[in-house]
């Protein structure tokens, strides 16, 4: 978590400087806020801090989805930041959707 929070401001500034992506297809995937909070509580982190962290992270993910008029926002249930490891079937589904659109 620390490495993520250390770079939030820098990453947010970089994203905001990007030119609008207009109609470029963008798929934004975010982790499961409730899942992460529960896991953090189990690991001994304060719930209030976890809630603040995840609310901020969720807001950043939502802002990323606004970079294009042609975007899709997906929150991967029961997933951590490592969606590709926690929910590989979801990644495959999204890749198939993109492939079908582009073919």
PDB file of N, CA and C in Angstrom:
ATOM      1  N   UNK A   1       0.825  -1.198   0.000  1.00  0.00           N
ATOM      2  CA  UNK A   1       0.000   0.000   0.000  1.00  0.00           C
ATOM      3  C   UNK A   1       0.868   1.260   0.000  1.00  0.00           C
ATOM      4  N   UNK A   2       1.950   1.202   0.728  1.00  0.00           N
ATOM      5  CA  UNK A   2       2.786   2.390   0.834  1.00  0.00           C
ATOM      6  C   UNK A   2       3.309   2.835  -0.525  1.00  0.00           C
ATOM      7  N   UNK A   3       3.751   1.883  -1.338  1.00  0.00           N
ATOM      8  CA  UNK A   3       4.291   2.263  -2.650  1.00  0.00           C
ATOM      9  C   UNK A   3       3.215   2.907  -3.514  1.00  0.00           C
ATOM     10  N   UNK A   4       1.975   2.456  -3.376  1.00  0.00           N
ATOM     11  CA  UNK A   4       0.879   3.060  -4.143  1.00  0.00           C
ATOM     12  C   UNK A   4       0.622   4.493  -3.694  1.00  0.00           C
ATOM     13  N   UNK A   5       0.552   4.697  -2.409  1.00  0.00           N
ATOM     14  CA  UNK A   5       0.228   6.029  -1.902  1.00  0.00           C
ATOM     15  C   UNK A   5       1.367   7.016  -2.105  1.00  0.00           C
ATOM     16  N   UNK A   6       2.599   6.527  -2.130  1.00  0.00           N
ATOM     17  CA  UNK A   6       3.744   7.416  -2.329  1.00  0.00           C
ATOM     18  C   UNK A   6       3.688   8.145  -3.673  1.00  0.00           C
ATOM     19  N   UNK A   7       3.097   7.512  -4.668  1.00  0.00           N
ATOM     20  CA  UNK A   7       3.094   8.075  -6.019  1.00  0.00           C
ATOM     21  C   UNK A   7       1.755   8.625  -6.472  1.00  0.00           C
ATOM     22  N   UNK A   8       0.756   8.646  -5.622  1.00  0.00           N
ATOM     23  CA  UNK A   8      -0.585   9.088  -6.025  1.00  0.00           C
ATOM     24  C   UNK A   8      -0.581  10.469  -6.657  1.00  0.00           C
ATOM     25  N   UNK A   9      -0.014  11.431  -5.965  1.00  0.00           N
ATOM     26  CA  UNK A   9      -0.069  12.809  -6.463  1.00  0.00           C
ATOM     27  C   UNK A   9       0.661  12.945  -7.789  1.00  0.00           C
ATOM     28  N   UNK A  10       1.832  12.325  -7.875  1.00  0.00           N
ATOM     29  CA  UNK A  10       2.609  12.380  -9.119  1.00  0.00           C
ATOM     30  C   UNK A  10       1.836  11.704 -10.256  1.00  0.00           C
ATOM     31  N   UNK A  11       1.251  10.543  -9.990  1.00  0.00           N
ATOM     32  CA  UNK A  11       0.493   9.822 -11.015  1.00  0.00           C
ATOM     33  C   UNK A  11      -0.757  10.597 -11.436  1.00  0.00           C
ATOM     34  N   UNK A  12      -1.439  11.181 -10.473  1.00  0.00           N
ATOM     35  CA  UNK A  12      -2.650  11.954 -10.779  1.00  0.00           C
ATOM     36  C   UNK A  12      -2.312  13.158 -11.656  1.00  0.00           C
ATOM     37  N   UNK A  13      -1.205  13.836 -11.355  1.00  0.00           N
ATOM     38  CA  UNK A  13      -0.796  14.981 -12.175  1.00  0.00           C
ATOM     39  C   UNK A  13      -0.475  14.540 -13.597  1.00  0.00           C
ATOM     40  N   UNK A  14       0.204  13.424 -13.735  1.00  0.00           N
ATOM     41  CA  UNK A  14       0.553  12.912 -15.068  1.00  0.00           C
ATOM     42  C   UNK A  14      -0.704  12.568 -15.866  1.00  0.00           C
ATOM     43  N   UNK A  15      -1.665  11.951 -15.218  1.00  0.00           N
ATOM     44  CA  UNK A  15      -2.911  11.586 -15.895  1.00  0.00           C
ATOM     45  C   UNK A  15      -3.670  12.837 -16.320  1.00  0.00           C
ATOM     46  N   UNK A  16      -3.715  13.834 -15.447  1.00  0.00           N
ATOM     47  CA  UNK A  16      -4.448  15.062 -15.774  1.00  0.00           C
ATOM     48  C   UNK A  16      -3.809  15.827 -16.928  1.00  0.00           C
ATOM     49  N   UNK A  17      -2.508  15.653 -17.132  1.00  0.00           N
ATOM     50  CA  UNK A  17      -1.828  16.343 -18.221  1.00  0.00           C
ATOM     51  C   UNK A  17      -2.069  15.674 -19.578  1.00  0.00           C
ATOM     52  N   UNK A  18      -2.573  14.458 -19.562  1.00  0.00           N
ATOM     53  CA  UNK A  18      -2.828  13.766 -20.823  1.00  0.00           C
ATOM     54  C   UNK A  18      -3.886  14.513 -21.625  1.00  0.00           C
ATOM     55  N   UNK A  19      -3.707  14.534 -22.904  1.00  0.00           N
ATOM     56  CA  UNK A  19      -4.737  15.115 -23.753  1.00  0.00           C
ATOM     57  C   UNK A  19      -5.963  14.226 -23.690  1.00  0.00           C
ATOM     58  N   UNK A  20      -7.133  14.821 -23.831  1.00  0.00           N
ATOM     59  CA  UNK A  20      -8.322  13.970 -23.851  1.00  0.00           C
ATOM     60  C   UNK A  20      -8.183  12.909 -24.943  1.00  0.00           C
ATOM     61  N   UNK A  21      -8.585  11.722 -24.627  1.00  0.00           N
ATOM     62  CA  UNK A  21      -8.448  10.620 -25.566  1.00  0.00           C
ATOM     63  C   UNK A  21      -9.608  10.568 -26.555  1.00  0.00           C
ATOM     64  N   UNK A  22     -10.525  11.518 -26.432  1.00  0.00           N
ATOM     65  CA  UNK A  22     -11.647  11.642 -27.349  1.00  0.00           C
ATOM     66  C   UNK A  22     -12.429  10.348 -27.448  1.00  0.00           C
ATOM     67  N   UNK A  23     -12.354   9.689 -28.604  1.00  0.00           N
ATOM     68  CA  UNK A  23     -13.151   8.488 -28.832  1.00  0.00           C
ATOM     69  C   UNK A  23     -12.349   7.193 -28.736  1.00  0.00           C
ATOM     70  N   UNK A  24     -11.116   7.267 -28.262  1.00  0.00           N
ATOM     71  CA  UNK A  24     -10.302   6.064 -28.130  1.00  0.00           C
ATOM     72  C   UNK A  24     -10.955   5.142 -27.101  1.00  0.00           C
ATOM     73  N   UNK A  25     -11.052   3.857 -27.438  1.00  0.00           N
ATOM     74  CA  UNK A  25     -11.639   2.903 -26.508  1.00  0.00           C
ATOM     75  C   UNK A  25     -10.712   2.730 -25.302  1.00  0.00           C
ATOM     76  N   UNK A  26     -11.254   2.926 -24.121  1.00  0.00           N
ATOM     77  CA  UNK A  26     -10.486   2.780 -22.879  1.00  0.00           C
ATOM     78  C   UNK A  26     -11.276   1.876 -21.943  1.00  0.00           C
ATOM     79  N   UNK A  27     -10.616   0.832 -21.467  1.00  0.00           N
ATOM     80  CA  UNK A  27     -11.202  -0.045 -20.458  1.00  0.00           C
ATOM     81  C   UNK A  27     -10.432   0.206 -19.169  1.00  0.00           C
ATOM     82  N   UNK A  28     -11.128   0.663 -18.153  1.00  0.00           N
ATOM     83  CA  UNK A  28     -10.512   0.937 -16.851  1.00  0.00           C
ATOM     84  C   UNK A  28     -11.033  -0.106 -15.874  1.00  0.00           C
ATOM     85  N   UNK A  29     -10.100  -0.781 -15.229  1.00  0.00           N
ATOM     86  CA  UNK A  29     -10.493  -1.809 -14.267  1.00  0.00           C
ATOM     87  C   UNK A  29      -9.983  -1.434 -12.888  1.00  0.00           C
ATOM     88  N   UNK A  30     -10.853  -1.574 -11.915  1.00  0.00           N
ATOM     89  CA  UNK A  30     -10.499  -1.266 -10.537  1.00  0.00           C
ATOM     90  C   UNK A  30     -10.764  -2.445  -9.622  1.00  0.00           C
ATOM     91  N   UNK A  31     -10.069  -2.444  -8.527  1.00  0.00           N
ATOM     92  CA  UNK A  31     -10.225  -3.522  -7.553  1.00  0.00           C
ATOM     93  C   UNK A  31     -11.521  -3.354  -6.768  1.00  0.00           C
ATOM     94  N   UNK A  32     -11.852  -4.369  -5.998  1.00  0.00           N
ATOM     95  CA  UNK A  32     -13.064  -4.404  -5.189  1.00  0.00           C
ATOM     96  C   UNK A  32     -12.805  -3.703  -3.853  1.00  0.00           C
ATOM     97  N   UNK A  33     -13.402  -2.535  -3.709  1.00  0.00           N
ATOM     98  CA  UNK A  33     -13.192  -1.694  -2.528  1.00  0.00           C
ATOM     99  C   UNK A  33     -13.526  -2.438  -1.230  1.00  0.00           C
ATOM    100  N   UNK A  34     -14.674  -3.077  -1.168  1.00  0.00           N
ATOM    101  CA  UNK A  34     -15.091  -3.776   0.054  1.00  0.00           C
ATOM    102  C   UNK A  34     -14.156  -4.940   0.365  1.00  0.00           C
ATOM    103  N   UNK A  35     -13.750  -5.647  -0.661  1.00  0.00           N
ATOM    104  CA  UNK A  35     -12.838  -6.786  -0.500  1.00  0.00           C
ATOM    105  C   UNK A  35     -11.508  -6.332   0.095  1.00  0.00           C
ATOM    106  N   UNK A  36     -10.975  -5.249  -0.448  1.00  0.00           N
ATOM    107  CA  UNK A  36      -9.685  -4.738   0.024  1.00  0.00           C
ATOM    108  C   UNK A  36      -9.783  -4.238   1.463  1.00  0.00           C
ATOM    109  N   UNK A  37     -10.861  -3.554   1.784  1.00  0.00           N
ATOM    110  CA  UNK A  37     -11.038  -3.064   3.157  1.00  0.00           C
ATOM    111  C   UNK A  37     -11.109  -4.241   4.122  1.00  0.00           C
ATOM    112  N   UNK A  38     -11.877  -5.275   3.768  1.00  0.00           N
ATOM    113  CA  UNK A  38     -11.996  -6.441   4.640  1.00  0.00           C
ATOM    114  C   UNK A  38     -10.646  -7.134   4.825  1.00  0.00           C
ATOM    115  N   UNK A  39      -9.904  -7.307   3.734  1.00  0.00           N
ATOM    116  CA  UNK A  39      -8.583  -7.933   3.826  1.00  0.00           C
ATOM    117  C   UNK A  39      -7.640  -7.095   4.695  1.00  0.00           C
ATOM    118  N   UNK A  40      -7.706  -5.781   4.544  1.00  0.00           N
ATOM    119  CA  UNK A  40      -6.864  -4.897   5.346  1.00  0.00           C
ATOM    120  C   UNK A  40      -7.181  -4.974   6.830  1.00  0.00           C
ATOM    121  N   UNK A  41      -8.464  -5.037   7.150  1.00  0.00           N
ATOM    122  CA  UNK A  41      -8.887  -5.173   8.552  1.00  0.00           C
ATOM    123  C   UNK A  41      -8.338  -6.476   9.120  1.00  0.00           C
ATOM    124  N   UNK A  42      -8.440  -7.559   8.328  1.00  0.00           N
ATOM    125  CA  UNK A  42      -7.927  -8.860   8.767  1.00  0.00           C
ATOM    126  C   UNK A  42      -6.418  -8.813   9.010  1.00  0.00           C
ATOM    127  N   UNK A  43      -5.721  -7.938   8.279  1.00  0.00           N
ATOM    128  CA  UNK A  43      -4.270  -7.815   8.445  1.00  0.00           C
ATOM    129  C   UNK A  43      -3.889  -6.817   9.534  1.00  0.00           C
ATOM    130  N   UNK A  44      -4.909  -6.187  10.166  1.00  0.00           N
ATOM    131  CA  UNK A  44      -4.636  -5.315  11.297  1.00  0.00           C
ATOM    132  C   UNK A  44      -4.569  -3.832  10.995  1.00  0.00           C
ATOM    133  N   UNK A  45      -4.924  -3.432   9.775  1.00  0.00           N
ATOM    134  CA  UNK A  45      -4.927  -2.008   9.441  1.00  0.00           C
ATOM    135  C   UNK A  45      -6.196  -1.342   9.975  1.00  0.00           C
ATOM    136  N   UNK A  46      -6.119  -0.065  10.361  1.00  0.00           N
ATOM    137  CA  UNK A  46      -7.304   0.646  10.857  1.00  0.00           C
ATOM    138  C   UNK A  46      -8.354   0.809   9.751  1.00  0.00           C
ATOM    139  N   UNK A  47      -9.581   0.477  10.071  1.00  0.00           N
ATOM    140  CA  UNK A  47     -10.665   0.533   9.082  1.00  0.00           C
ATOM    141  C   UNK A  47     -10.845   1.936   8.499  1.00  0.00           C
ATOM    142  N   UNK A  48     -10.750   2.956   9.333  1.00  0.00           N
ATOM    143  CA  UNK A  48     -10.955   4.319   8.830  1.00  0.00           C
ATOM    144  C   UNK A  48      -9.894   4.700   7.796  1.00  0.00           C
ATOM    145  N   UNK A  49      -8.661   4.275   8.020  1.00  0.00           N
ATOM    146  CA  UNK A  49      -7.601   4.568   7.055  1.00  0.00           C
ATOM    147  C   UNK A  49      -7.802   3.791   5.761  1.00  0.00           C
ATOM    148  N   UNK A  50      -8.227   2.553   5.884  1.00  0.00           N
ATOM    149  CA  UNK A  50      -8.505   1.739   4.694  1.00  0.00           C
ATOM    150  C   UNK A  50      -9.639   2.345   3.877  1.00  0.00           C
ATOM    151  N   UNK A  51     -10.665   2.809   4.560  1.00  0.00           N
ATOM    152  CA  UNK A  51     -11.808   3.402   3.858  1.00  0.00           C
ATOM    153  C   UNK A  51     -11.384   4.667   3.109  1.00  0.00           C
ATOM    154  N   UNK A  52     -10.568   5.485   3.738  1.00  0.00           N
ATOM    155  CA  UNK A  52     -10.076   6.701   3.094  1.00  0.00           C
ATOM    156  C   UNK A  52      -9.203   6.359   1.884  1.00  0.00           C
ATOM    157  N   UNK A  53      -8.301   5.425   2.069  1.00  0.00           N
ATOM    158  CA  UNK A  53      -7.417   4.986   0.989  1.00  0.00           C
ATOM    159  C   UNK A  53      -8.233   4.466  -0.195  1.00  0.00           C
ATOM    160  N   UNK A  54      -9.173   3.584   0.061  1.00  0.00           N
ATOM    161  CA  UNK A  54      -9.951   2.975  -1.023  1.00  0.00           C
ATOM    162  C   UNK A  54     -10.911   3.959  -1.677  1.00  0.00           C
ATOM    163  N   UNK A  55     -11.458   4.892  -0.913  1.00  0.00           N
ATOM    164  CA  UNK A  55     -12.325   5.915  -1.509  1.00  0.00           C
ATOM    165  C   UNK A  55     -11.534   6.802  -2.459  1.00  0.00           C
ATOM    166  N   UNK A  56     -10.318   7.150  -2.055  1.00  0.00           N
ATOM    167  CA  UNK A  56      -9.452   7.971  -2.906  1.00  0.00           C
ATOM    168  C   UNK A  56      -9.077   7.201  -4.160  1.00  0.00           C
ATOM    169  N   UNK A  57      -8.694   5.944  -3.990  1.00  0.00           N
ATOM    170  CA  UNK A  57      -8.316   5.099  -5.123  1.00  0.00           C
ATOM    171  C   UNK A  57      -9.495   4.956  -6.095  1.00  0.00           C
ATOM    172  N   UNK A  58     -10.679   4.723  -5.571  1.00  0.00           N
ATOM    173  CA  UNK A  58     -11.876   4.582  -6.405  1.00  0.00           C
ATOM    174  C   UNK A  58     -12.147   5.862  -7.205  1.00  0.00           C
ATOM    175  N   UNK A  59     -11.965   6.997  -6.571  1.00  0.00           N
ATOM    176  CA  UNK A  59     -12.165   8.277  -7.260  1.00  0.00           C
ATOM    177  C   UNK A  59     -11.175   8.433  -8.417  1.00  0.00           C
ATOM    178  N   UNK A  60      -9.926   8.060  -8.197  1.00  0.00           N
ATOM    179  CA  UNK A  60      -8.923   8.137  -9.258  1.00  0.00           C
ATOM    180  C   UNK A  60      -9.281   7.220 -10.427  1.00  0.00           C
ATOM    181  N   UNK A  61      -9.762   6.031 -10.133  1.00  0.00           N
ATOM    182  CA  UNK A  61     -10.169   5.087 -11.176  1.00  0.00           C
ATOM    183  C   UNK A  61     -11.334   5.670 -11.978  1.00  0.00           C
ATOM    184  N   UNK A  62     -12.291   6.259 -11.285  1.00  0.00           N
ATOM    185  CA  UNK A  62     -13.441   6.857 -11.973  1.00  0.00           C
ATOM    186  C   UNK A  62     -12.999   8.015 -12.868  1.00  0.00           C
ATOM    187  N   UNK A  63     -12.033   8.794 -12.411  1.00  0.00           N
ATOM    188  CA  UNK A  63     -11.525   9.903 -13.220  1.00  0.00           C
ATOM    189  C   UNK A  63     -10.806   9.391 -14.467  1.00  0.00           C
ATOM    190  N   UNK A  64     -10.121   8.284 -14.350  1.00  0.00           N
ATOM    191  CA  UNK A  64      -9.462   7.704 -15.518  1.00  0.00           C
ATOM    192  C   UNK A  64     -10.480   7.331 -16.593  1.00  0.00           C
ATOM    193  N   UNK A  65     -11.617   6.844 -16.168  1.00  0.00           N
ATOM    194  CA  UNK A  65     -12.657   6.449 -17.119  1.00  0.00           C
ATOM    195  C   UNK A  65     -13.233   7.654 -17.856  1.00  0.00           C
ATOM    196  N   UNK A  66     -13.028   8.841 -17.343  1.00  0.00           N
ATOM    197  CA  UNK A  66     -13.538  10.049 -17.990  1.00  0.00           C
ATOM    198  C   UNK A  66     -12.589  10.588 -19.062  1.00  0.00           C
ATOM    199  N   UNK A  67     -11.434   9.941 -19.233  1.00  0.00           N
ATOM    200  CA  UNK A  67     -10.460  10.424 -20.206  1.00  0.00           C
ATOM    201  C   UNK A  67     -10.928  10.219 -21.648  1.00  0.00           C
ATOM    202  N   UNK A  68     -11.884   9.352 -21.850  1.00  0.00           N
ATOM    203  CA  UNK A  68     -12.393   9.083 -23.191  1.00  0.00           C
ATOM    204  C   UNK A  68     -13.914   9.026 -23.166  1.00  0.00           C
ATOM    205  N   UNK A  69     -14.495   9.442 -24.276  1.00  0.00           N
ATOM    206  CA  UNK A  69     -15.953   9.332 -24.411  1.00  0.00           C
ATOM    207  C   UNK A  69     -16.354   7.878 -24.651  1.00  0.00           C
ATOM    208  N   UNK A  70     -15.382   7.065 -25.047  1.00  0.00           N
ATOM    209  CA  UNK A  70     -15.625   5.671 -25.360  1.00  0.00           C
ATOM    210  C   UNK A  70     -14.938   4.792 -24.318  1.00  0.00           C
ATOM    211  N   UNK A  71     -15.358   4.934 -23.075  1.00  0.00           N
ATOM    212  CA  UNK A  71     -14.712   4.178 -22.007  1.00  0.00           C
ATOM    213  C   UNK A  71     -15.699   3.259 -21.310  1.00  0.00           C
ATOM    214  N   UNK A  72     -15.130   2.277 -20.667  1.00  0.00           N
ATOM    215  CA  UNK A  72     -15.914   1.341 -19.871  1.00  0.00           C
ATOM    216  C   UNK A  72     -15.190   1.186 -18.539  1.00  0.00           C
ATOM    217  N   UNK A  73     -15.929   1.293 -17.453  1.00  0.00           N
ATOM    218  CA  UNK A  73     -15.372   1.173 -16.109  1.00  0.00           C
ATOM    219  C   UNK A  73     -15.852  -0.132 -15.498  1.00  0.00           C
ATOM    220  N   UNK A  74     -14.913  -0.942 -15.052  1.00  0.00           N
ATOM    221  CA  UNK A  74     -15.237  -2.238 -14.461  1.00  0.00           C
ATOM    222  C   UNK A  74     -14.574  -2.324 -13.097  1.00  0.00           C
ATOM    223  N   UNK A  75     -15.360  -2.658 -12.091  1.00  0.00           N
ATOM    224  CA  UNK A  75     -14.796  -2.953 -10.779  1.00  0.00           C
ATOM    225  C   UNK A  75     -14.843  -4.465 -10.616  1.00  0.00           C
ATOM    226  N   UNK A  76     -13.694  -5.077 -10.425  1.00  0.00           N
ATOM    227  CA  UNK A  76     -13.562  -6.530 -10.359  1.00  0.00           C
ATOM    228  C   UNK A  76     -13.876  -7.023  -8.952  1.00  0.00           C
ATOM    229  N   UNK A  77     -15.031  -7.639  -8.803  1.00  0.00           N
ATOM    230  CA  UNK A  77     -15.433  -8.152  -7.487  1.00  0.00           C
ATOM    231  C   UNK A  77     -14.432  -9.186  -6.977  1.00  0.00           C
ATOM    232  N   UNK A  78     -14.240  -9.165  -5.674  1.00  0.00           N
ATOM    233  CA  UNK A  78     -13.326 -10.091  -4.995  1.00  0.00           C
ATOM    234  C   UNK A  78     -11.910 -10.030  -5.555  1.00  0.00           C
ATOM    235  N   UNK A  79     -11.466  -8.834  -5.888  1.00  0.00           N
ATOM    236  CA  UNK A  79     -10.140  -8.671  -6.455  1.00  0.00           C
ATOM    237  C   UNK A  79      -9.351  -7.618  -5.710  1.00  0.00           C
ATOM    238  N   UNK A  80      -8.040  -7.850  -5.686  1.00  0.00           N
ATOM    239  CA  UNK A  80      -7.111  -6.860  -5.169  1.00  0.00           C
ATOM    240  C   UNK A  80      -6.626  -6.024  -6.351  1.00  0.00           C
ATOM    241  N   UNK A  81      -5.527  -5.323  -6.161  1.00  0.00           N
ATOM    242  CA  UNK A  81      -4.933  -4.544  -7.243  1.00  0.00           C
ATOM    243  C   UNK A  81      -4.437  -5.467  -8.369  1.00  0.00           C
ATOM    244  N   UNK A  82      -4.168  -6.708  -8.028  1.00  0.00           N
ATOM    245  CA  UNK A  82      -3.679  -7.699  -9.001  1.00  0.00           C
ATOM    246  C   UNK A  82      -4.852  -8.429  -9.652  1.00  0.00           C
ATOM    247  N   UNK A  83      -5.630  -7.697 -10.399  1.00  0.00           N
ATOM    248  CA  UNK A  83      -6.825  -8.265 -11.024  1.00  0.00           C
ATOM    249  C   UNK A  83      -6.448  -9.438 -11.925  1.00  0.00           C
ATOM    250  N   UNK A  84      -5.335  -9.326 -12.618  1.00  0.00           N
ATOM    251  CA  UNK A  84      -4.905 -10.388 -13.526  1.00  0.00           C
ATOM    252  C   UNK A  84      -4.634 -11.705 -12.793  1.00  0.00           C
ATOM    253  N   UNK A  85      -4.295 -11.634 -11.519  1.00  0.00           N
ATOM    254  CA  UNK A  85      -4.062 -12.841 -10.725  1.00  0.00           C
ATOM    255  C   UNK A  85      -5.334 -13.303 -10.016  1.00  0.00           C
ATOM    256  N   UNK A  86      -6.095 -12.346  -9.494  1.00  0.00           N
ATOM    257  CA  UNK A  86      -7.307 -12.668  -8.727  1.00  0.00           C
ATOM    258  C   UNK A  86      -8.483 -13.050  -9.615  1.00  0.00           C
ATOM    259  N   UNK A  87      -8.576 -12.427 -10.777  1.00  0.00           N
ATOM    260  CA  UNK A  87      -9.732 -12.631 -11.663  1.00  0.00           C
ATOM    261  C   UNK A  87      -9.289 -12.775 -13.120  1.00  0.00           C
ATOM    262  N   UNK A  88      -8.451 -13.763 -13.425  1.00  0.00           N
ATOM    263  CA  UNK A  88      -7.963 -13.896 -14.803  1.00  0.00           C
ATOM    264  C   UNK A  88      -9.087 -14.078 -15.815  1.00  0.00           C
ATOM    265  N   UNK A  89     -10.167 -14.715 -15.404  1.00  0.00           N
ATOM    266  CA  UNK A  89     -11.293 -14.918 -16.325  1.00  0.00           C
ATOM    267  C   UNK A  89     -11.917 -13.593 -16.747  1.00  0.00           C
ATOM    268  N   UNK A  90     -11.866 -12.598 -15.889  1.00  0.00           N
ATOM    269  CA  UNK A  90     -12.393 -11.281 -16.224  1.00  0.00           C
ATOM    270  C   UNK A  90     -11.489 -10.600 -17.256  1.00  0.00           C
ATOM    271  N   UNK A  91     -10.199 -10.742 -17.088  1.00  0.00           N
ATOM    272  CA  UNK A  91      -9.254 -10.188 -18.061  1.00  0.00           C
ATOM    273  C   UNK A  91      -9.488 -10.830 -19.427  1.00  0.00           C
ATOM    274  N   UNK A  92      -9.642 -12.150 -19.451  1.00  0.00           N
ATOM    275  CA  UNK A  92      -9.888 -12.858 -20.714  1.00  0.00           C
ATOM    276  C   UNK A  92     -11.189 -12.361 -21.347  1.00  0.00           C
ATOM    277  N   UNK A  93     -12.221 -12.189 -20.552  1.00  0.00           N
ATOM    278  CA  UNK A  93     -13.515 -11.712 -21.066  1.00  0.00           C
ATOM    279  C   UNK A  93     -13.367 -10.333 -21.716  1.00  0.00           C
ATOM    280  N   UNK A  94     -12.665  -9.431 -21.055  1.00  0.00           N
ATOM    281  CA  UNK A  94     -12.486  -8.078 -21.585  1.00  0.00           C
ATOM    282  C   UNK A  94     -11.652  -8.096 -22.866  1.00  0.00           C
ATOM    283  N   UNK A  95     -10.604  -8.902 -22.886  1.00  0.00           N
ATOM    284  CA  UNK A  95      -9.781  -9.007 -24.097  1.00  0.00           C
ATOM    285  C   UNK A  95     -10.622  -9.542 -25.258  1.00  0.00           C
ATOM    286  N   UNK A  96     -11.466 -10.534 -24.990  1.00  0.00           N
ATOM    287  CA  UNK A  96     -12.346 -11.071 -26.040  1.00  0.00           C
ATOM    288  C   UNK A  96     -13.317 -10.004 -26.544  1.00  0.00           C
ATOM    289  N   UNK A  97     -13.863  -9.215 -25.626  1.00  0.00           N
ATOM    290  CA  UNK A  97     -14.772  -8.135 -26.032  1.00  0.00           C
ATOM    291  C   UNK A  97     -14.064  -7.144 -26.944  1.00  0.00           C
ATOM    292  N   UNK A  98     -12.854  -6.758 -26.565  1.00  0.00           N
ATOM    293  CA  UNK A  98     -12.081  -5.820 -27.372  1.00  0.00           C
ATOM    294  C   UNK A  98     -11.785  -6.420 -28.743  1.00  0.00           C
ATOM    295  N   UNK A  99     -11.379  -7.686 -28.749  1.00  0.00           N
ATOM    296  CA  UNK A  99     -11.075  -8.370 -30.008  1.00  0.00           C
ATOM    297  C   UNK A  99     -12.291  -8.405 -30.916  1.00  0.00           C
ATOM    298  N   UNK A 100     -13.453  -8.691 -30.353  1.00  0.00           N
ATOM    299  CA  UNK A 100     -14.678  -8.728 -31.159  1.00  0.00           C
ATOM    300  C   UNK A 100     -15.035  -7.363 -31.730  1.00  0.00           C
ATOM    301  N   UNK A 101     -14.801  -6.334 -30.959  1.00  0.00           N
ATOM    302  CA  UNK A 101     -15.103  -4.974 -31.416  1.00  0.00           C
ATOM    303  C   UNK A 101     -14.163  -4.584 -32.556  1.00  0.00           C
ATOM    304  N   UNK A 102     -12.898  -4.956 -32.422  1.00  0.00           N
ATOM    305  CA  UNK A 102     -11.889  -4.539 -33.402  1.00  0.00           C
ATOM    306  C   UNK A 102     -11.881  -5.397 -34.662  1.00  0.00           C
ATOM    307  N   UNK A 103     -12.518  -6.562 -34.606  1.00  0.00           N
ATOM    308  CA  UNK A 103     -12.480  -7.420 -35.807  1.00  0.00           C
ATOM    309  C   UNK A 103     -13.694  -7.249 -36.689  1.00  0.00           C
TER     310      UNK A 103
END
